[in-house]
Amino acid sequence: YPRGLSGNDIPLAGRIMAVADVYDALVSKRVYKSAMSHEEAMSIML
């Protein structure tokens, strides 16, 4: 979201930010979840 873009239609800046944002969300503790290990996060990213 918000537009359902795919592939290279997604700006490169957004594609790079997505990797950074999701990895950090996975390995970080939040009020609604525990932090994953680096290895678990790597598996999900892959």
All heavy atoms as atom14 arrays in JSON, in Angstrom:
{
  "sequence": "YPRGLSGNDIPLAGRIMAVADVYDALVSKRVYKSAMSHEEAMSIML",
  "atom14_mask": [
    [1, 1, 1, 1, 1, 1, 1, 1, 1, 1, 1, 1, 0, 0],
    [1, 1, 1, 1, 1, 1, 1, 0, 0, 0, 0, 0, 0, 0],
    [1, 1, 1, 1, 1, 1, 1, 1, 1, 1, 1, 0, 0, 0],
    [1, 1, 1, 1, 0, 0, 0, 0, 0, 0, 0, 0, 0, 0],
    [1, 1, 1, 1, 1, 1, 1, 1, 0, 0, 0, 0, 0, 0],
    [1, 1, 1, 1, 1, 1, 0, 0, 0, 0, 0, 0, 0, 0],
    [1, 1, 1, 1, 0, 0, 0, 0, 0, 0, 0, 0, 0, 0],
    [1, 1, 1, 1, 1, 1, 1, 1, 0, 0, 0, 0, 0, 0],
    [1, 1, 1, 1, 1, 1, 1, 1, 0, 0, 0, 0, 0, 0],
    [1, 1, 1, 1, 1, 1, 1, 1, 0, 0, 0, 0, 0, 0],
    [1, 1, 1, 1, 1, 1, 1, 0, 0, 0, 0, 0, 0, 0],
    [1, 1, 1, 1, 1, 1, 1, 1, 0, 0, 0, 0, 0, 0],
    [1, 1, 1, 1, 1, 0, 0, 0, 0, 0, 0, 0, 0, 0],
    [1, 1, 1, 1, 0, 0, 0, 0, 0, 0, 0, 0, 0, 0],
    [1, 1, 1, 1, 1, 1, 1, 1, 1, 1, 1, 0, 0, 0],
    [1, 1, 1, 1, 1, 1, 1, 1, 0, 0, 0, 0, 0, 0],
    [1, 1, 1, 1, 1, 1, 1, 1, 0, 0, 0, 0, 0, 0],
    [1, 1, 1, 1, 1, 0, 0, 0, 0, 0, 0, 0, 0, 0],
    [1, 1, 1, 1, 1, 1, 1, 0, 0, 0, 0, 0, 0, 0],
    [1, 1, 1, 1, 1, 0, 0, 0, 0, 0, 0, 0, 0, 0],
    [1, 1, 1, 1, 1, 1, 1, 1, 0, 0, 0, 0, 0, 0],
    [1, 1, 1, 1, 1, 1, 1, 0, 0, 0, 0, 0, 0, 0],
    [1, 1, 1, 1, 1, 1, 1, 1, 1, 1, 1, 1, 0, 0],
    [1, 1, 1, 1, 1, 1, 1, 1, 0, 0, 0, 0, 0, 0],
    [1, 1, 1, 1, 1, 0, 0, 0, 0, 0, 0, 0, 0, 0],
    [1, 1, 1, 1, 1, 1, 1, 1, 0, 0, 0, 0, 0, 0],
    [1, 1, 1, 1, 1, 1, 1, 0, 0, 0, 0, 0, 0, 0],
    [1, 1, 1, 1, 1, 1, 0, 0, 0, 0, 0, 0, 0, 0],
    [1, 1, 1, 1, 1, 1, 1, 1, 1, 0, 0, 0, 0, 0],
    [1, 1, 1, 1, 1, 1, 1, 1, 1, 1, 1, 0, 0, 0],
    [1, 1, 1, 1, 1, 1, 1, 0, 0, 0, 0, 0, 0, 0],
    [1, 1, 1, 1, 1, 1, 1, 1, 1, 1, 1, 1, 0, 0],
    [1, 1, 1, 1, 1, 1, 1, 1, 1, 0, 0, 0, 0, 0],
    [1, 1, 1, 1, 1, 1, 0, 0, 0, 0, 0, 0, 0, 0],
    [1, 1, 1, 1, 1, 0, 0, 0, 0, 0, 0, 0, 0, 0],
    [1, 1, 1, 1, 1, 1, 1, 1, 0, 0, 0, 0, 0, 0],
    [1, 1, 1, 1, 1, 1, 0, 0, 0, 0, 0, 0, 0, 0],
    [1, 1, 1, 1, 1, 1, 1, 1, 1, 1, 0, 0, 0, 0],
    [1, 1, 1, 1, 1, 1, 1, 1, 1, 0, 0, 0, 0, 0],
    [1, 1, 1, 1, 1, 1, 1, 1, 1, 0, 0, 0, 0, 0],
    [1, 1, 1, 1, 1, 0, 0, 0, 0, 0, 0, 0, 0, 0],
    [1, 1, 1, 1, 1, 1, 1, 1, 0, 0, 0, 0, 0, 0],
    [1, 1, 1, 1, 1, 1, 0, 0, 0, 0, 0, 0, 0, 0],
    [1, 1, 1, 1, 1, 1, 1, 1, 0, 0, 0, 0, 0, 0],
    [1, 1, 1, 1, 1, 1, 1, 1, 0, 0, 0, 0, 0, 0],
    [1, 1, 1, 1, 1, 1, 1, 1, 0, 0, 0, 0, 0, 0]
  ],
  "atom14_positions": [
    [[0.85, -1.19, 0.0], [0.0, 0.0, 0.0], [0.88, 1.24, 0.0], [2.08, 1.15, 0.26], [-0.95, -0.03, 1.21], [-0.27, 0.05, 2.58], [0.02, 1.29, 3.18], [0.05, -1.12, 3.28], [0.63, 1.36, 4.43], [0.67, -1.05, 4.53], [0.96, 0.19, 5.1], [1.55, 0.25, 6.33], [0.0, 0.0, 0.0], [0.0, 0.0, 0.0]],
    [[0.36, 2.41, -0.37], [-1.07, 2.75, -0.57], [-1.58, 2.56, -1.99], [-2.8, 2.63, -2.21], [-1.1, 4.25, -0.21], [0.23, 4.76, -0.65], [1.2, 3.65, -0.36], [0.0, 0.0, 0.0], [0.0, 0.0, 0.0], [0.0, 0.0, 0.0], [0.0, 0.0, 0.0], [0.0, 0.0, 0.0], [0.0, 0.0, 0.0], [0.0, 0.0, 0.0]],
    [[-0.72, 2.27, -2.98], [-1.17, 2.26, -4.37], [-1.01, 0.9, -5.05], [-1.38, 0.76, -6.21], [-0.4, 3.32, -5.18], [-0.66, 4.73, -4.69], [0.08, 5.77, -5.51], [-0.28, 7.11, -5.06], [0.32, 7.75, -4.06], [1.34, 7.17, -3.42], [-0.07, 8.95, -3.68], [0.0, 0.0, 0.0], [0.0, 0.0, 0.0], [0.0, 0.0, 0.0]],
    [[-0.48, -0.08, -4.35], [-0.32, -1.39, -4.96], [0.68, -1.41, -6.1], [0.53, -2.16, -7.07], [0.0, 0.0, 0.0], [0.0, 0.0, 0.0], [0.0, 0.0, 0.0], [0.0, 0.0, 0.0], [0.0, 0.0, 0.0], [0.0, 0.0, 0.0], [0.0, 0.0, 0.0], [0.0, 0.0, 0.0], [0.0, 0.0, 0.0], [0.0, 0.0, 0.0]],
    [[1.72, -0.59, -6.0], [2.76, -0.57, -7.03], [3.55, -1.87, -6.97], [3.63, -2.52, -5.92], [3.7, 0.62, -6.82], [3.07, 2.01, -6.85], [4.14, 3.07, -6.57], [2.39, 2.27, -8.19], [0.0, 0.0, 0.0], [0.0, 0.0, 0.0], [0.0, 0.0, 0.0], [0.0, 0.0, 0.0], [0.0, 0.0, 0.0], [0.0, 0.0, 0.0]],
    [[4.17, -2.22, -8.09], [4.96, -3.45, -8.11], [6.26, -3.23, -8.87], [6.39, -2.3, -9.68], [4.17, -4.58, -8.77], [3.9, -4.27, -10.14], [0.0, 0.0, 0.0], [0.0, 0.0, 0.0], [0.0, 0.0, 0.0], [0.0, 0.0, 0.0], [0.0, 0.0, 0.0], [0.0, 0.0, 0.0], [0.0, 0.0, 0.0], [0.0, 0.0, 0.0]],
    [[7.23, -4.1, -8.61], [8.5, -4.11, -9.34], [9.18, -2.76, -9.35], [9.2, -2.04, -8.35], [0.0, 0.0, 0.0], [0.0, 0.0, 0.0], [0.0, 0.0, 0.0], [0.0, 0.0, 0.0], [0.0, 0.0, 0.0], [0.0, 0.0, 0.0], [0.0, 0.0, 0.0], [0.0, 0.0, 0.0], [0.0, 0.0, 0.0], [0.0, 0.0, 0.0]],
    [[9.7, -2.42, -10.51], [10.44, -1.17, -10.65], [9.55, 0.06, -10.7], [10.05, 1.19, -10.75], [11.33, -1.21, -11.9], [12.46, -2.21, -11.75], [12.9, -2.51, -10.65], [12.94, -2.72, -12.88], [0.0, 0.0, 0.0], [0.0, 0.0, 0.0], [0.0, 0.0, 0.0], [0.0, 0.0, 0.0], [0.0, 0.0, 0.0], [0.0, 0.0, 0.0]],
    [[8.22, -0.14, -10.67], [7.32, 1.01, -10.56], [7.41, 1.62, -9.17], [7.03, 2.78, -8.97], [5.88, 0.6, -10.85], [5.64, 0.31, -12.33], [6.44, 0.82, -13.16], [4.69, -0.41, -12.66], [0.0, 0.0, 0.0], [0.0, 0.0, 0.0], [0.0, 0.0, 0.0], [0.0, 0.0, 0.0], [0.0, 0.0, 0.0], [0.0, 0.0, 0.0]],
    [[7.89, 0.84, -8.21], [8.13, 1.37, -6.87], [9.44, 2.15, -6.91], [10.46, 1.61, -7.33], [8.24, 0.24, -5.83], [7.02, -0.66, -5.88], [8.44, 0.81, -4.42], [7.17, -1.94, -5.05], [0.0, 0.0, 0.0], [0.0, 0.0, 0.0], [0.0, 0.0, 0.0], [0.0, 0.0, 0.0], [0.0, 0.0, 0.0], [0.0, 0.0, 0.0]],
    [[9.46, 3.39, -6.51], [10.71, 4.15, -6.53], [11.83, 3.42, -5.78], [11.56, 2.78, -4.76], [10.34, 5.47, -5.85], [8.87, 5.6, -6.06], [8.33, 4.2, -6.02], [0.0, 0.0, 0.0], [0.0, 0.0, 0.0], [0.0, 0.0, 0.0], [0.0, 0.0, 0.0], [0.0, 0.0, 0.0], [0.0, 0.0, 0.0], [0.0, 0.0, 0.0]],
    [[13.03, 3.52, -6.28], [14.17, 2.86, -5.64], [14.29, 3.28, -4.18], [14.59, 2.46, -3.31], [15.46, 3.19, -6.39], [16.75, 2.61, -5.81], [16.69, 1.09, -5.78], [17.95, 3.09, -6.62], [0.0, 0.0, 0.0], [0.0, 0.0, 0.0], [0.0, 0.0, 0.0], [0.0, 0.0, 0.0], [0.0, 0.0, 0.0], [0.0, 0.0, 0.0]],
    [[14.05, 4.56, -3.89], [14.15, 5.04, -2.51], [13.18, 4.27, -1.61], [13.53, 3.9, -0.48], [13.85, 6.54, -2.46], [0.0, 0.0, 0.0], [0.0, 0.0, 0.0], [0.0, 0.0, 0.0], [0.0, 0.0, 0.0], [0.0, 0.0, 0.0], [0.0, 0.0, 0.0], [0.0, 0.0, 0.0], [0.0, 0.0, 0.0], [0.0, 0.0, 0.0]],
    [[11.96, 4.02, -2.1], [10.98, 3.28, -1.32], [11.37, 1.83, -1.15], [11.15, 1.23, -0.08], [0.0, 0.0, 0.0], [0.0, 0.0, 0.0], [0.0, 0.0, 0.0], [0.0, 0.0, 0.0], [0.0, 0.0, 0.0], [0.0, 0.0, 0.0], [0.0, 0.0, 0.0], [0.0, 0.0, 0.0], [0.0, 0.0, 0.0], [0.0, 0.0, 0.0]],
    [[11.95, 1.22, -2.18], [12.36, -0.18, -2.1], [13.5, -0.36, -1.09], [13.54, -1.34, -0.34], [12.8, -0.68, -3.48], [11.67, -0.59, -4.46], [11.8, -1.26, -5.78], [13.05, -1.38, -6.44], [13.45, -0.63, -7.48], [12.66, 0.37, -7.9], [14.58, -0.86, -8.09], [0.0, 0.0, 0.0], [0.0, 0.0, 0.0], [0.0, 0.0, 0.0]],
    [[14.42, 0.61, -1.08], [15.52, 0.54, -0.11], [14.98, 0.75, 1.31], [15.34, 0.02, 2.24], [16.59, 1.61, -0.44], [17.3, 1.24, -1.74], [17.59, 1.74, 0.71], [18.27, 2.3, -2.23], [0.0, 0.0, 0.0], [0.0, 0.0, 0.0], [0.0, 0.0, 0.0], [0.0, 0.0, 0.0], [0.0, 0.0, 0.0], [0.0, 0.0, 0.0]],
    [[14.09, 1.74, 1.47], [13.53, 2.02, 2.79], [12.75, 0.82, 3.32], [12.75, 0.55, 4.52], [12.61, 3.24, 2.69], [12.16, 3.79, 4.04], [13.48, 4.62, 4.94], [13.32, 3.83, 6.54], [0.0, 0.0, 0.0], [0.0, 0.0, 0.0], [0.0, 0.0, 0.0], [0.0, 0.0, 0.0], [0.0, 0.0, 0.0], [0.0, 0.0, 0.0]],
    [[12.07, 0.1, 2.43], [11.27, -1.06, 2.85], [12.15, -2.11, 3.53], [11.78, -2.68, 4.56], [10.55, -1.66, 1.65], [0.0, 0.0, 0.0], [0.0, 0.0, 0.0], [0.0, 0.0, 0.0], [0.0, 0.0, 0.0], [0.0, 0.0, 0.0], [0.0, 0.0, 0.0], [0.0, 0.0, 0.0], [0.0, 0.0, 0.0], [0.0, 0.0, 0.0]],
    [[13.32, -2.38, 2.96], [14.23, -3.37, 3.54], [14.67, -2.92, 4.93], [14.64, -3.68, 5.9], [15.46, -3.59, 2.63], [16.49, -4.48, 3.32], [15.03, -4.19, 1.3], [0.0, 0.0, 0.0], [0.0, 0.0, 0.0], [0.0, 0.0, 0.0], [0.0, 0.0, 0.0], [0.0, 0.0, 0.0], [0.0, 0.0, 0.0], [0.0, 0.0, 0.0]],
    [[15.06, -1.65, 5.04], [15.51, -1.11, 6.32], [14.39, -1.13, 7.35], [14.58, -1.51, 8.51], [16.03, 0.31, 6.13], [0.0, 0.0, 0.0], [0.0, 0.0, 0.0], [0.0, 0.0, 0.0], [0.0, 0.0, 0.0], [0.0, 0.0, 0.0], [0.0, 0.0, 0.0], [0.0, 0.0, 0.0], [0.0, 0.0, 0.0], [0.0, 0.0, 0.0]],
    [[13.2, -0.71, 6.95], [12.07, -0.58, 7.86], [11.62, -1.92, 8.4], [11.38, -2.09, 9.6], [10.93, 0.13, 7.13], [9.84, 0.62, 8.06], [10.17, 1.07, 9.18], [8.65, 0.58, 7.68], [0.0, 0.0, 0.0], [0.0, 0.0, 0.0], [0.0, 0.0, 0.0], [0.0, 0.0, 0.0], [0.0, 0.0, 0.0], [0.0, 0.0, 0.0]],
    [[11.48, -2.91, 7.51], [10.99, -4.22, 7.93], [12.02, -4.94, 8.8], [11.67, -5.52, 9.84], [10.62, -5.08, 6.7], [10.28, -6.5, 7.14], [9.44, -4.46, 5.96], [0.0, 0.0, 0.0], [0.0, 0.0, 0.0], [0.0, 0.0, 0.0], [0.0, 0.0, 0.0], [0.0, 0.0, 0.0], [0.0, 0.0, 0.0], [0.0, 0.0, 0.0]],
    [[13.28, -4.89, 8.41], [14.31, -5.55, 9.24], [14.27, -4.98, 10.65], [14.3, -5.71, 11.64], [15.69, -5.38, 8.64], [16.78, -5.89, 9.56], [17.07, -7.26, 9.64], [17.48, -5.02, 10.39], [18.04, -7.73, 10.51], [18.46, -5.49, 11.27], [18.74, -6.84, 11.33], [19.69, -7.32, 12.21], [0.0, 0.0, 0.0], [0.0, 0.0, 0.0]],
    [[14.21, -3.65, 10.75], [14.23, -3.04, 12.08], [12.98, -3.4, 12.87], [13.06, -3.61, 14.09], [14.35, -1.52, 11.97], [14.74, -0.9, 13.29], [15.88, -1.15, 13.75], [13.91, -0.2, 13.89], [0.0, 0.0, 0.0], [0.0, 0.0, 0.0], [0.0, 0.0, 0.0], [0.0, 0.0, 0.0], [0.0, 0.0, 0.0], [0.0, 0.0, 0.0]],
    [[11.83, -3.46, 12.21], [10.6, -3.83, 12.9], [10.69, -5.25, 13.44], [10.21, -5.54, 14.55], [9.41, -3.71, 11.95], [0.0, 0.0, 0.0], [0.0, 0.0, 0.0], [0.0, 0.0, 0.0], [0.0, 0.0, 0.0], [0.0, 0.0, 0.0], [0.0, 0.0, 0.0], [0.0, 0.0, 0.0], [0.0, 0.0, 0.0], [0.0, 0.0, 0.0]],
    [[11.34, -6.13, 12.7], [11.45, -7.53, 13.12], [12.34, -7.69, 14.34], [12.02, -8.45, 15.27], [11.98, -8.38, 11.97], [11.06, -8.54, 10.75], [11.78, -9.28, 9.63], [9.77, -9.27, 11.13], [0.0, 0.0, 0.0], [0.0, 0.0, 0.0], [0.0, 0.0, 0.0], [0.0, 0.0, 0.0], [0.0, 0.0, 0.0], [0.0, 0.0, 0.0]],
    [[13.48, -7.0, 14.37], [14.45, -7.22, 15.46], [14.21, -6.3, 16.65], [14.96, -6.34, 17.64], [15.9, -7.03, 14.95], [16.21, -8.03, 13.86], [16.14, -5.6, 14.48], [0.0, 0.0, 0.0], [0.0, 0.0, 0.0], [0.0, 0.0, 0.0], [0.0, 0.0, 0.0], [0.0, 0.0, 0.0], [0.0, 0.0, 0.0], [0.0, 0.0, 0.0]],
    [[13.16, -5.46, 16.59], [12.89, -4.52, 17.67], [11.69, -4.97, 18.51], [10.71, -5.51, 17.99], [12.6, -3.13, 17.1], [13.72, -2.65, 16.38], [0.0, 0.0, 0.0], [0.0, 0.0, 0.0], [0.0, 0.0, 0.0], [0.0, 0.0, 0.0], [0.0, 0.0, 0.0], [0.0, 0.0, 0.0], [0.0, 0.0, 0.0], [0.0, 0.0, 0.0]],
    [[11.77, -4.72, 19.81], [10.68, -5.0, 20.71], [9.63, -3.91, 20.61], [9.96, -2.72, 20.54], [11.19, -5.08, 22.15], [10.11, -5.43, 23.17], [10.69, -5.48, 24.58], [9.6, -5.79, 25.6], [10.12, -5.85, 26.99], [0.0, 0.0, 0.0], [0.0, 0.0, 0.0], [0.0, 0.0, 0.0], [0.0, 0.0, 0.0], [0.0, 0.0, 0.0]],
    [[8.39, -4.29, 20.58], [7.3, -3.35, 20.56], [6.28, -3.75, 21.65], [6.32, -4.88, 22.16], [6.6, -3.36, 19.18], [7.49, -2.81, 18.06], [7.67, -1.31, 18.21], [8.51, -0.73, 17.16], [9.79, -0.46, 17.29], [10.41, -0.75, 18.43], [10.47, 0.08, 16.3], [0.0, 0.0, 0.0], [0.0, 0.0, 0.0], [0.0, 0.0, 0.0]],
    [[5.37, -2.84, 21.98], [4.4, -3.14, 23.04], [3.53, -4.33, 22.66], [2.98, -5.0, 23.53], [3.52, -1.91, 23.33], [4.33, -0.81, 23.94], [2.82, -1.41, 22.06], [0.0, 0.0, 0.0], [0.0, 0.0, 0.0], [0.0, 0.0, 0.0], [0.0, 0.0, 0.0], [0.0, 0.0, 0.0], [0.0, 0.0, 0.0], [0.0, 0.0, 0.0]],
    [[3.41, -4.6, 21.38], [2.54, -5.67, 20.92], [3.31, -6.93, 20.5], [2.7, -7.91, 20.07], [1.67, -5.2, 19.75], [2.47, -4.58, 18.6], [3.01, -5.38, 17.6], [2.68, -3.22, 18.54], [3.74, -4.83, 16.57], [3.41, -2.65, 17.52], [3.94, -3.46, 16.53], [4.68, -2.91, 15.51], [0.0, 0.0, 0.0], [0.0, 0.0, 0.0]],
    [[4.67, -6.92, 20.63], [5.43, -8.11, 20.24], [6.82, -8.08, 20.86], [7.33, -7.03, 21.28], [5.55, -8.19, 18.71], [6.56, -7.23, 18.13], [6.76, -7.47, 16.65], [7.95, -6.69, 16.11], [9.24, -7.18, 16.64], [0.0, 0.0, 0.0], [0.0, 0.0, 0.0], [0.0, 0.0, 0.0], [0.0, 0.0, 0.0], [0.0, 0.0, 0.0]],
    [[7.45, -9.24, 20.89], [8.84, -9.35, 21.34], [9.77, -9.18, 20.15], [9.36, -9.35, 18.99], [9.07, -10.72, 22.0], [8.22, -10.88, 23.11], [0.0, 0.0, 0.0], [0.0, 0.0, 0.0], [0.0, 0.0, 0.0], [0.0, 0.0, 0.0], [0.0, 0.0, 0.0], [0.0, 0.0, 0.0], [0.0, 0.0, 0.0], [0.0, 0.0, 0.0]],
    [[11.01, -8.88, 20.45], [12.0, -8.76, 19.37], [12.4, -10.13, 18.87], [12.57, -11.07, 19.65], [13.23, -8.01, 19.88], [0.0, 0.0, 0.0], [0.0, 0.0, 0.0], [0.0, 0.0, 0.0], [0.0, 0.0, 0.0], [0.0, 0.0, 0.0], [0.0, 0.0, 0.0], [0.0, 0.0, 0.0], [0.0, 0.0, 0.0], [0.0, 0.0, 0.0]],
    [[12.54, -10.25, 17.56], [13.06, -11.49, 16.96], [14.58, -11.48, 17.02], [15.21, -10.41, 17.09], [12.64, -11.59, 15.49], [11.21, -11.92, 15.25], [10.92, -12.18, 13.47], [9.16, -12.49, 13.49], [0.0, 0.0, 0.0], [0.0, 0.0, 0.0], [0.0, 0.0, 0.0], [0.0, 0.0, 0.0], [0.0, 0.0, 0.0], [0.0, 0.0, 0.0]],
    [[15.17, -12.63, 16.92], [16.61, -12.71, 16.79], [17.01, -12.3, 15.38], [16.18, -12.28, 14.47], [17.09, -14.14, 17.05], [16.67, -15.0, 15.99], [0.0, 0.0, 0.0], [0.0, 0.0, 0.0], [0.0, 0.0, 0.0], [0.0, 0.0, 0.0], [0.0, 0.0, 0.0], [0.0, 0.0, 0.0], [0.0, 0.0, 0.0], [0.0, 0.0, 0.0]],
    [[18.27, -11.94, 15.23], [18.76, -11.56, 13.91], [18.56, -12.7, 12.92], [18.17, -12.47, 11.77], [20.25, -11.2, 14.01], [20.91, -10.98, 12.69], [20.71, -9.85, 11.93], [21.8, -11.76, 11.98], [21.43, -9.93, 10.82], [22.09, -11.07, 10.83], [0.0, 0.0, 0.0], [0.0, 0.0, 0.0], [0.0, 0.0, 0.0], [0.0, 0.0, 0.0]],
    [[18.8, -13.92, 13.37], [18.68, -15.08, 12.48], [17.23, -15.28, 12.03], [16.97, -15.58, 10.85], [19.18, -16.34, 13.2], [20.69, -16.38, 13.41], [21.16, -15.39, 14.47], [20.33, -15.01, 15.34], [22.35, -15.0, 14.44], [0.0, 0.0, 0.0], [0.0, 0.0, 0.0], [0.0, 0.0, 0.0], [0.0, 0.0, 0.0], [0.0, 0.0, 0.0]],
    [[16.28, -15.11, 12.96], [14.86, -15.25, 12.59], [14.47, -14.16, 11.59], [13.75, -14.43, 10.6], [13.99, -15.13, 13.84], [14.09, -16.31, 14.79], [13.3, -16.06, 16.06], [13.51, -15.01, 16.69], [12.47, -16.93, 16.41], [0.0, 0.0, 0.0], [0.0, 0.0, 0.0], [0.0, 0.0, 0.0], [0.0, 0.0, 0.0], [0.0, 0.0, 0.0]],
    [[14.94, -12.94, 11.84], [14.63, -11.84, 10.94], [15.22, -12.09, 9.55], [14.56, -11.83, 8.53], [15.16, -10.53, 11.51], [0.0, 0.0, 0.0], [0.0, 0.0, 0.0], [0.0, 0.0, 0.0], [0.0, 0.0, 0.0], [0.0, 0.0, 0.0], [0.0, 0.0, 0.0], [0.0, 0.0, 0.0], [0.0, 0.0, 0.0], [0.0, 0.0, 0.0]],
    [[16.43, -12.62, 9.51], [17.06, -12.9, 8.23], [16.26, -13.92, 7.43], [16.1, -13.79, 6.21], [18.48, -13.43, 8.45], [19.47, -12.38, 8.95], [19.76, -11.1, 7.73], [20.54, -12.06, 6.44], [0.0, 0.0, 0.0], [0.0, 0.0, 0.0], [0.0, 0.0, 0.0], [0.0, 0.0, 0.0], [0.0, 0.0, 0.0], [0.0, 0.0, 0.0]],
    [[15.73, -14.92, 8.13], [14.94, -15.95, 7.46], [13.68, -15.34, 6.84], [13.33, -15.64, 5.68], [14.55, -17.04, 8.46], [13.73, -18.01, 7.85], [0.0, 0.0, 0.0], [0.0, 0.0, 0.0], [0.0, 0.0, 0.0], [0.0, 0.0, 0.0], [0.0, 0.0, 0.0], [0.0, 0.0, 0.0], [0.0, 0.0, 0.0], [0.0, 0.0, 0.0]],
    [[13.02, -14.45, 7.57], [11.81, -13.82, 7.06], [12.13, -12.88, 5.9], [11.41, -12.84, 4.89], [11.09, -13.06, 8.19], [10.53, -14.06, 9.2], [9.98, -12.16, 7.64], [9.88, -13.42, 10.41], [0.0, 0.0, 0.0], [0.0, 0.0, 0.0], [0.0, 0.0, 0.0], [0.0, 0.0, 0.0], [0.0, 0.0, 0.0], [0.0, 0.0, 0.0]],
    [[13.21, -12.13, 6.03], [13.61, -11.23, 4.94], [13.88, -12.02, 3.67], [13.49, -11.63, 2.57], [14.85, -10.44, 5.35], [14.69, -9.51, 6.54], [13.58, -8.11, 6.24], [14.57, -7.12, 5.13], [0.0, 0.0, 0.0], [0.0, 0.0, 0.0], [0.0, 0.0, 0.0], [0.0, 0.0, 0.0], [0.0, 0.0, 0.0], [0.0, 0.0, 0.0]],
    [[14.55, -13.15, 3.81], [14.89, -13.97, 2.65], [13.63, -14.56, 2.02], [13.52, -14.66, 0.79], [15.86, -15.09, 3.06], [16.59, -15.81, 1.94], [17.36, -14.82, 1.06], [17.54, -16.85, 2.51], [0.0, 0.0, 0.0], [0.0, 0.0, 0.0], [0.0, 0.0, 0.0], [0.0, 0.0, 0.0], [0.0, 0.0, 0.0], [0.0, 0.0, 0.0]]
  ]
}
